[in-house]
Amino acid sequence: MYNRILLPIDGSPTAMQAFDEALKIASASGAELQPLYVVDMQPVSYDATSAFYPNLRDALLEEGRRISAMTAERMAQAGVKGTPRVCEVDYVGDDIAQRIRHCADDFRADLIVMGTHGRRGWRRLVLGSVAESFVRLSRCPVLLVPGREAEQREANG
């Protein structure tokens, strides 16, 4: 079974559904779970919008701490061991998918559980999501959890 599960999480509904699945797997297998929040400032760091958001990095780090605290509390309630982690994308040639892989390697994850799309939305999924990029880079199995809203769109089709 699995011993170390990494869960990239951004607070989106789909990521929270992935968290629920990872929590079930970790609880059933006795695995350690590491929720991972990745701060990515690259899109705003090289254009004029960064001047309007001088505290954006701090806000993203605070969001990561908030999500980490919530996941830690739910893990404790479920009796699942592990510690959430917040990390930042390296500005030199790194992106979110690559940062997740580095964190998975550091954690020695043997399973990654992640939502099919997060805060970047449905349009981002079509254009090439973090999940899609990560699957190409991963060195271990990846369980992709679709969002309920995506399932409902397909059903209503």
N, C-alpha and C. Protein backbone atom coordinates (compact mmCIF):
# COMPACT_ATOMS: atom_id res chain seq x y z
N MET A 1 0.84 -1.18 0.00
CA MET A 1 0.00 0.00 0.00
C MET A 1 0.88 1.24 0.00
N TYR A 2 0.30 2.38 0.24
CA TYR A 2 1.04 3.64 0.21
C TYR A 2 1.48 4.05 1.61
N ASN A 3 2.68 4.63 1.70
CA ASN A 3 3.22 5.07 2.98
C ASN A 3 3.32 6.58 3.12
N ARG A 4 3.52 7.27 1.97
CA ARG A 4 3.74 8.72 2.00
C ARG A 4 2.97 9.34 0.84
N ILE A 5 1.93 10.11 1.19
CA ILE A 5 1.05 10.70 0.18
C ILE A 5 1.23 12.21 0.19
N LEU A 6 1.52 12.76 -0.98
CA LEU A 6 1.63 14.22 -1.13
C LEU A 6 0.36 14.72 -1.78
N LEU A 7 -0.15 15.83 -1.28
CA LEU A 7 -1.39 16.41 -1.76
C LEU A 7 -1.21 17.89 -2.07
N PRO A 8 -0.95 18.26 -3.33
CA PRO A 8 -0.94 19.68 -3.68
C PRO A 8 -2.35 20.25 -3.49
N ILE A 9 -2.43 21.39 -2.82
CA ILE A 9 -3.74 21.94 -2.47
C ILE A 9 -3.69 23.46 -2.57
N ASP A 10 -4.76 24.04 -3.13
CA ASP A 10 -4.79 25.50 -3.28
C ASP A 10 -6.03 26.14 -2.67
N GLY A 11 -6.84 25.35 -1.99
CA GLY A 11 -8.04 25.89 -1.37
C GLY A 11 -9.27 25.88 -2.26
N SER A 12 -9.13 25.48 -3.51
CA SER A 12 -10.26 25.42 -4.43
C SER A 12 -11.17 24.25 -4.06
N PRO A 13 -12.42 24.28 -4.51
CA PRO A 13 -13.32 23.14 -4.22
C PRO A 13 -12.76 21.81 -4.73
N THR A 14 -12.16 21.80 -5.90
CA THR A 14 -11.61 20.56 -6.44
C THR A 14 -10.44 20.07 -5.59
N ALA A 15 -9.59 20.97 -5.14
CA ALA A 15 -8.48 20.57 -4.28
C ALA A 15 -9.00 20.02 -2.95
N MET A 16 -10.09 20.58 -2.45
CA MET A 16 -10.64 20.07 -1.19
C MET A 16 -11.25 18.68 -1.39
N GLN A 17 -11.81 18.41 -2.56
CA GLN A 17 -12.29 17.07 -2.85
C GLN A 17 -11.11 16.10 -2.91
N ALA A 18 -10.00 16.54 -3.50
CA ALA A 18 -8.79 15.71 -3.53
C ALA A 18 -8.29 15.47 -2.11
N PHE A 19 -8.38 16.48 -1.25
CA PHE A 19 -7.98 16.33 0.15
C PHE A 19 -8.83 15.26 0.83
N ASP A 20 -10.13 15.28 0.58
CA ASP A 20 -11.02 14.26 1.18
C ASP A 20 -10.59 12.85 0.74
N GLU A 21 -10.27 12.68 -0.53
CA GLU A 21 -9.84 11.37 -1.04
C GLU A 21 -8.50 10.96 -0.42
N ALA A 22 -7.56 11.89 -0.36
CA ALA A 22 -6.25 11.60 0.22
C ALA A 22 -6.39 11.23 1.69
N LEU A 23 -7.27 11.92 2.39
CA LEU A 23 -7.51 11.63 3.80
C LEU A 23 -8.05 10.21 3.97
N LYS A 24 -8.98 9.79 3.11
CA LYS A 24 -9.51 8.42 3.16
C LYS A 24 -8.42 7.39 2.93
N ILE A 25 -7.59 7.63 1.91
CA ILE A 25 -6.51 6.68 1.57
C ILE A 25 -5.51 6.60 2.71
N ALA A 26 -5.10 7.76 3.23
CA ALA A 26 -4.13 7.78 4.32
C ALA A 26 -4.68 7.11 5.57
N SER A 27 -5.95 7.34 5.86
CA SER A 27 -6.57 6.73 7.03
C SER A 27 -6.64 5.22 6.89
N ALA A 28 -7.01 4.76 5.70
CA ALA A 28 -7.16 3.31 5.48
C ALA A 28 -5.82 2.58 5.45
N SER A 29 -4.78 3.27 4.99
CA SER A 29 -3.49 2.59 4.82
C SER A 29 -2.47 2.93 5.91
N GLY A 30 -2.80 3.88 6.78
CA GLY A 30 -1.85 4.31 7.80
C GLY A 30 -0.72 5.16 7.23
N ALA A 31 -0.95 5.73 6.05
CA ALA A 31 0.09 6.53 5.39
C ALA A 31 0.22 7.91 6.02
N GLU A 32 1.39 8.48 5.86
CA GLU A 32 1.63 9.86 6.25
C GLU A 32 1.17 10.74 5.10
N LEU A 33 0.48 11.84 5.41
CA LEU A 33 -0.06 12.75 4.41
C LEU A 33 0.61 14.11 4.54
N GLN A 34 1.03 14.66 3.41
CA GLN A 34 1.60 16.01 3.42
C GLN A 34 0.83 16.90 2.44
N PRO A 35 -0.12 17.71 2.95
CA PRO A 35 -0.74 18.72 2.10
C PRO A 35 0.32 19.77 1.74
N LEU A 36 0.33 20.18 0.48
CA LEU A 36 1.36 21.10 -0.02
C LEU A 36 0.72 22.29 -0.70
N TYR A 37 0.98 23.47 -0.19
CA TYR A 37 0.50 24.71 -0.80
C TYR A 37 1.70 25.38 -1.46
N VAL A 38 1.60 25.65 -2.76
CA VAL A 38 2.70 26.25 -3.51
C VAL A 38 2.38 27.70 -3.84
N VAL A 39 3.25 28.60 -3.42
CA VAL A 39 3.12 30.02 -3.73
C VAL A 39 3.87 30.27 -5.03
N ASP A 40 3.15 30.83 -6.00
CA ASP A 40 3.74 31.13 -7.31
C ASP A 40 3.54 32.60 -7.62
N MET A 41 4.61 33.35 -7.59
CA MET A 41 4.55 34.79 -7.88
C MET A 41 4.99 35.11 -9.30
N GLN A 42 5.40 34.14 -10.08
CA GLN A 42 5.95 34.42 -11.40
C GLN A 42 5.02 35.21 -12.31
N PRO A 43 3.73 34.89 -12.40
CA PRO A 43 2.90 35.64 -13.34
C PRO A 43 2.87 37.13 -13.09
N VAL A 44 2.98 37.58 -11.84
CA VAL A 44 2.90 39.00 -11.56
C VAL A 44 4.27 39.64 -11.32
N SER A 45 5.30 38.86 -11.23
CA SER A 45 6.58 39.44 -10.85
C SER A 45 7.26 40.18 -12.00
N TYR A 46 6.85 39.93 -13.22
CA TYR A 46 7.54 40.54 -14.35
C TYR A 46 6.68 41.53 -15.12
N ASP A 47 5.54 41.93 -14.58
CA ASP A 47 4.73 42.90 -15.31
C ASP A 47 4.26 44.00 -14.37
N ALA A 48 3.51 44.92 -14.93
CA ALA A 48 3.10 46.11 -14.18
C ALA A 48 2.16 45.78 -13.02
N THR A 49 1.45 44.67 -13.08
CA THR A 49 0.50 44.36 -12.00
C THR A 49 1.18 44.18 -10.66
N SER A 50 2.46 43.80 -10.66
CA SER A 50 3.13 43.59 -9.39
C SER A 50 3.23 44.89 -8.58
N ALA A 51 3.25 46.03 -9.26
CA ALA A 51 3.31 47.30 -8.56
C ALA A 51 2.02 47.57 -7.78
N PHE A 52 0.91 47.01 -8.24
CA PHE A 52 -0.36 47.22 -7.58
C PHE A 52 -0.61 46.24 -6.45
N TYR A 53 0.21 45.20 -6.35
CA TYR A 53 0.04 44.18 -5.33
C TYR A 53 1.34 43.96 -4.55
N PRO A 54 1.82 45.00 -3.87
CA PRO A 54 3.11 44.86 -3.19
C PRO A 54 3.09 43.81 -2.08
N ASN A 55 1.93 43.52 -1.53
CA ASN A 55 1.84 42.54 -0.44
C ASN A 55 1.26 41.22 -0.91
N LEU A 56 1.26 40.97 -2.22
CA LEU A 56 0.66 39.75 -2.75
C LEU A 56 1.37 38.51 -2.21
N ARG A 57 2.69 38.53 -2.18
CA ARG A 57 3.43 37.37 -1.66
C ARG A 57 3.01 37.08 -0.23
N ASP A 58 2.94 38.12 0.59
CA ASP A 58 2.53 37.94 1.99
C ASP A 58 1.12 37.38 2.07
N ALA A 59 0.22 37.87 1.21
CA ALA A 59 -1.16 37.38 1.21
C ALA A 59 -1.21 35.92 0.81
N LEU A 60 -0.42 35.53 -0.19
CA LEU A 60 -0.39 34.13 -0.62
C LEU A 60 0.21 33.23 0.46
N LEU A 61 1.24 33.69 1.12
CA LEU A 61 1.82 32.91 2.22
C LEU A 61 0.83 32.76 3.37
N GLU A 62 0.08 33.82 3.66
CA GLU A 62 -0.94 33.75 4.71
C GLU A 62 -2.04 32.77 4.31
N GLU A 63 -2.45 32.79 3.05
CA GLU A 63 -3.45 31.83 2.57
C GLU A 63 -2.91 30.40 2.73
N GLY A 64 -1.65 30.20 2.41
CA GLY A 64 -1.03 28.88 2.59
C GLY A 64 -1.03 28.45 4.04
N ARG A 65 -0.75 29.36 4.95
CA ARG A 65 -0.78 29.03 6.38
C ARG A 65 -2.20 28.70 6.84
N ARG A 66 -3.18 29.45 6.33
CA ARG A 66 -4.57 29.21 6.70
C ARG A 66 -5.03 27.83 6.22
N ILE A 67 -4.72 27.50 4.98
CA ILE A 67 -5.11 26.20 4.43
C ILE A 67 -4.36 25.08 5.15
N SER A 68 -3.09 25.31 5.46
CA SER A 68 -2.30 24.32 6.19
C SER A 68 -2.90 24.04 7.56
N ALA A 69 -3.31 25.09 8.27
CA ALA A 69 -3.91 24.91 9.59
C ALA A 69 -5.20 24.12 9.50
N MET A 70 -6.01 24.42 8.49
CA MET A 70 -7.28 23.71 8.31
C MET A 70 -7.02 22.23 8.00
N THR A 71 -6.06 21.94 7.11
CA THR A 71 -5.79 20.55 6.77
C THR A 71 -5.19 19.81 7.97
N ALA A 72 -4.33 20.46 8.73
CA ALA A 72 -3.74 19.83 9.91
C ALA A 72 -4.82 19.47 10.92
N GLU A 73 -5.78 20.35 11.10
CA GLU A 73 -6.87 20.08 12.04
C GLU A 73 -7.71 18.89 11.59
N ARG A 74 -8.05 18.85 10.31
CA ARG A 74 -8.85 17.73 9.79
C ARG A 74 -8.07 16.42 9.83
N MET A 75 -6.76 16.48 9.60
CA MET A 75 -5.93 15.28 9.67
C MET A 75 -5.90 14.76 11.11
N ALA A 76 -5.76 15.66 12.07
CA ALA A 76 -5.74 15.26 13.48
C ALA A 76 -7.07 14.62 13.88
N GLN A 77 -8.18 15.19 13.42
CA GLN A 77 -9.49 14.64 13.73
C GLN A 77 -9.65 13.23 13.14
N ALA A 78 -9.05 13.00 11.97
CA ALA A 78 -9.15 11.70 11.31
C ALA A 78 -8.09 10.71 11.79
N GLY A 79 -7.17 11.18 12.62
CA GLY A 79 -6.10 10.32 13.11
C GLY A 79 -5.05 10.03 12.05
N VAL A 80 -4.89 10.94 11.09
CA VAL A 80 -3.90 10.78 10.03
C VAL A 80 -2.66 11.59 10.38
N LYS A 81 -1.50 10.93 10.30
CA LYS A 81 -0.27 11.62 10.64
C LYS A 81 0.25 12.40 9.43
N GLY A 82 1.04 13.42 9.74
CA GLY A 82 1.64 14.23 8.68
C GLY A 82 1.64 15.70 9.04
N THR A 83 2.39 16.46 8.27
CA THR A 83 2.52 17.89 8.49
C THR A 83 2.37 18.63 7.17
N PRO A 84 1.46 19.60 7.10
CA PRO A 84 1.33 20.40 5.88
C PRO A 84 2.60 21.21 5.63
N ARG A 85 2.78 21.58 4.37
CA ARG A 85 3.97 22.33 3.97
C ARG A 85 3.57 23.46 3.02
N VAL A 86 4.21 24.60 3.17
CA VAL A 86 4.06 25.73 2.25
C VAL A 86 5.43 25.96 1.62
N CYS A 87 5.46 26.05 0.30
CA CYS A 87 6.72 26.33 -0.38
C CYS A 87 6.48 27.34 -1.49
N GLU A 88 7.57 27.85 -2.04
CA GLU A 88 7.48 28.84 -3.11
C GLU A 88 8.18 28.33 -4.35
N VAL A 89 7.65 28.74 -5.50
CA VAL A 89 8.27 28.41 -6.78
C VAL A 89 9.60 29.15 -6.85
N ASP A 90 10.63 28.46 -7.30
CA ASP A 90 11.93 29.06 -7.53
C ASP A 90 11.83 29.90 -8.79
N TYR A 91 12.23 31.15 -8.72
CA TYR A 91 12.03 32.06 -9.84
C TYR A 91 12.94 31.78 -11.03
N VAL A 92 13.90 30.90 -10.87
CA VAL A 92 14.83 30.62 -11.97
C VAL A 92 14.44 29.30 -12.63
N GLY A 93 13.59 29.36 -13.63
CA GLY A 93 13.26 28.20 -14.43
C GLY A 93 12.36 27.17 -13.79
N ASP A 94 11.67 27.50 -12.73
CA ASP A 94 10.78 26.58 -12.03
C ASP A 94 9.34 26.98 -12.31
N ASP A 95 8.44 26.04 -12.26
CA ASP A 95 7.01 26.35 -12.30
C ASP A 95 6.33 25.51 -11.22
N ILE A 96 5.01 25.62 -11.13
CA ILE A 96 4.30 24.94 -10.04
C ILE A 96 4.47 23.42 -10.14
N ALA A 97 4.30 22.87 -11.34
CA ALA A 97 4.42 21.41 -11.49
C ALA A 97 5.82 20.94 -11.10
N GLN A 98 6.84 21.67 -11.52
CA GLN A 98 8.21 21.28 -11.16
C GLN A 98 8.45 21.39 -9.65
N ARG A 99 7.89 22.44 -9.04
CA ARG A 99 8.05 22.60 -7.58
C ARG A 99 7.36 21.46 -6.85
N ILE A 100 6.18 21.04 -7.33
CA ILE A 100 5.49 19.91 -6.70
C ILE A 100 6.36 18.66 -6.80
N ARG A 101 6.97 18.45 -7.97
CA ARG A 101 7.82 17.27 -8.11
C ARG A 101 9.02 17.31 -7.17
N HIS A 102 9.64 18.48 -7.04
CA HIS A 102 10.76 18.61 -6.09
C HIS A 102 10.30 18.29 -4.67
N CYS A 103 9.13 18.79 -4.30
CA CYS A 103 8.61 18.53 -2.95
C CYS A 103 8.25 17.05 -2.78
N ALA A 104 7.71 16.44 -3.83
CA ALA A 104 7.39 15.01 -3.77
C ALA A 104 8.67 14.19 -3.59
N ASP A 105 9.73 14.58 -4.30
CA ASP A 105 11.01 13.89 -4.15
C ASP A 105 11.56 14.07 -2.74
N ASP A 106 11.51 15.31 -2.23
CA ASP A 106 11.99 15.59 -0.86
C ASP A 106 11.23 14.77 0.18
N PHE A 107 9.93 14.64 -0.01
CA PHE A 107 9.06 13.93 0.91
C PHE A 107 9.13 12.41 0.72
N ARG A 108 9.72 11.99 -0.39
CA ARG A 108 9.78 10.58 -0.79
C ARG A 108 8.37 10.00 -0.92
N ALA A 109 7.50 10.79 -1.59
CA ALA A 109 6.11 10.38 -1.78
C ALA A 109 6.04 9.14 -2.66
N ASP A 110 5.11 8.25 -2.32
CA ASP A 110 4.87 7.09 -3.19
C ASP A 110 3.49 7.18 -3.83
N LEU A 111 2.75 8.28 -3.56
CA LEU A 111 1.49 8.58 -4.23
C LEU A 111 1.26 10.09 -4.15
N ILE A 112 0.78 10.65 -5.26
CA ILE A 112 0.36 12.04 -5.29
C ILE A 112 -1.14 12.04 -5.55
N VAL A 113 -1.89 12.78 -4.77
CA VAL A 113 -3.32 12.94 -4.99
C VAL A 113 -3.55 14.42 -5.26
N MET A 114 -4.19 14.73 -6.39
CA MET A 114 -4.43 16.14 -6.71
C MET A 114 -5.70 16.30 -7.53
N GLY A 115 -6.28 17.49 -7.42
CA GLY A 115 -7.47 17.82 -8.19
C GLY A 115 -7.09 18.07 -9.64
N THR A 116 -8.07 17.84 -10.53
CA THR A 116 -7.81 18.03 -11.96
C THR A 116 -7.69 19.49 -12.33
N HIS A 117 -8.30 20.37 -11.58
CA HIS A 117 -8.13 21.80 -11.80
C HIS A 117 -8.42 22.53 -10.50
N GLY A 118 -7.75 23.65 -10.35
CA GLY A 118 -7.88 24.38 -9.10
C GLY A 118 -8.28 25.82 -9.35
N ARG A 119 -7.60 26.71 -8.72
CA ARG A 119 -7.96 28.12 -8.79
C ARG A 119 -7.73 28.73 -10.16
N ARG A 120 -7.01 28.08 -11.00
CA ARG A 120 -6.79 28.62 -12.34
C ARG A 120 -7.97 28.34 -13.25
N GLY A 121 -8.90 27.53 -12.80
CA GLY A 121 -10.19 27.40 -13.45
C GLY A 121 -10.27 26.42 -14.61
N TRP A 122 -11.47 26.30 -15.13
CA TRP A 122 -11.76 25.35 -16.21
C TRP A 122 -10.98 25.70 -17.47
N ARG A 123 -10.91 26.99 -17.82
CA ARG A 123 -10.18 27.40 -19.02
C ARG A 123 -8.73 26.95 -18.94
N ARG A 124 -8.13 27.05 -17.78
CA ARG A 124 -6.76 26.61 -17.58
C ARG A 124 -6.62 25.11 -17.80
N LEU A 125 -7.64 24.34 -17.43
CA LEU A 125 -7.61 22.90 -17.64
C LEU A 125 -7.50 22.58 -19.12
N VAL A 126 -8.28 23.30 -19.93
CA VAL A 126 -8.27 23.06 -21.38
C VAL A 126 -6.92 23.45 -21.98
N LEU A 127 -6.34 24.53 -21.51
CA LEU A 127 -5.09 25.03 -22.07
C LEU A 127 -3.87 24.26 -21.58
N GLY A 128 -4.00 23.52 -20.51
CA GLY A 128 -2.88 22.77 -19.96
C GLY A 128 -2.71 23.06 -18.50
N SER A 129 -3.27 22.24 -17.67
CA SER A 129 -3.31 22.50 -16.24
C SER A 129 -2.02 22.10 -15.54
N VAL A 130 -1.91 22.53 -14.31
CA VAL A 130 -0.80 22.10 -13.45
C VAL A 130 -0.85 20.58 -13.31
N ALA A 131 -2.05 20.04 -13.14
CA ALA A 131 -2.18 18.58 -12.99
C ALA A 131 -1.65 17.86 -14.22
N GLU A 132 -2.01 18.34 -15.39
CA GLU A 132 -1.53 17.70 -16.62
C GLU A 132 -0.01 17.80 -16.73
N SER A 133 0.54 18.96 -16.43
CA SER A 133 2.00 19.13 -16.47
C SER A 133 2.68 18.23 -15.46
N PHE A 134 2.09 18.14 -14.26
CA PHE A 134 2.70 17.33 -13.23
C PHE A 134 2.72 15.85 -13.58
N VAL A 135 1.62 15.36 -14.14
CA VAL A 135 1.56 13.94 -14.50
C VAL A 135 2.72 13.57 -15.42
N ARG A 136 3.11 14.47 -16.29
CA ARG A 136 4.23 14.21 -17.20
C ARG A 136 5.58 14.15 -16.48
N LEU A 137 5.66 14.83 -15.33
CA LEU A 137 6.92 14.90 -14.59
C LEU A 137 7.04 13.88 -13.46
N SER A 138 5.91 13.36 -13.02
CA SER A 138 5.87 12.56 -11.80
C SER A 138 6.71 11.29 -11.90
N ARG A 139 7.30 10.93 -10.77
CA ARG A 139 8.09 9.70 -10.67
C ARG A 139 7.35 8.61 -9.89
N CYS A 140 6.09 8.90 -9.51
CA CYS A 140 5.28 7.93 -8.78
C CYS A 140 3.83 8.03 -9.25
N PRO A 141 2.98 7.12 -8.83
CA PRO A 141 1.58 7.17 -9.26
C PRO A 141 0.90 8.48 -8.84
N VAL A 142 -0.03 8.92 -9.68
CA VAL A 142 -0.79 10.14 -9.43
C VAL A 142 -2.27 9.80 -9.52
N LEU A 143 -3.02 10.14 -8.48
CA LEU A 143 -4.46 9.98 -8.49
C LEU A 143 -5.06 11.36 -8.74
N LEU A 144 -5.74 11.52 -9.88
CA LEU A 144 -6.39 12.78 -10.21
C LEU A 144 -7.85 12.72 -9.80
N VAL A 145 -8.29 13.72 -9.05
CA VAL A 145 -9.66 13.78 -8.55
C VAL A 145 -10.38 14.91 -9.28
N PRO A 146 -11.42 14.56 -10.08
CA PRO A 146 -12.16 15.62 -10.78
C PRO A 146 -13.06 16.38 -9.83
N GLY A 147 -13.31 17.63 -10.16
CA GLY A 147 -14.23 18.42 -9.36
C GLY A 147 -15.66 18.05 -9.66
N ARG A 148 -16.50 18.17 -8.67
CA ARG A 148 -17.92 17.85 -8.87
C ARG A 148 -18.55 18.74 -9.94
N GLU A 149 -18.13 20.02 -10.00
CA GLU A 149 -18.69 20.91 -11.00
C GLU A 149 -18.31 20.46 -12.42
N ALA A 150 -17.11 19.89 -12.59
CA ALA A 150 -16.70 19.36 -13.90
C ALA A 150 -17.56 18.15 -14.25
N GLU A 151 -17.81 17.30 -13.27
CA GLU A 151 -18.66 16.13 -13.50
C GLU A 151 -20.07 16.55 -13.88
N GLN A 152 -20.59 17.60 -13.22
CA GLN A 152 -21.94 18.08 -13.51
C GLN A 152 -22.02 18.67 -14.90
N ARG A 153 -20.97 19.41 -15.33
CA ARG A 153 -20.95 19.96 -16.69
C ARG A 153 -21.01 18.85 -17.74
N GLU A 154 -20.23 17.79 -17.52
CA GLU A 154 -20.22 16.67 -18.47
C GLU A 154 -21.58 15.98 -18.50
N ALA A 155 -22.21 15.82 -17.36
CA ALA A 155 -23.52 15.16 -17.30
C ALA A 155 -24.59 16.00 -18.00
N ASN A 156 -24.46 17.32 -17.89
CA ASN A 156 -25.45 18.22 -18.51
C ASN A 156 -25.13 18.51 -19.95
N GLY A 157 -23.94 18.13 -20.35
CA GLY A 157 -23.39 18.25 -21.59
C GLY A 157 -23.56 18.89 -22.76
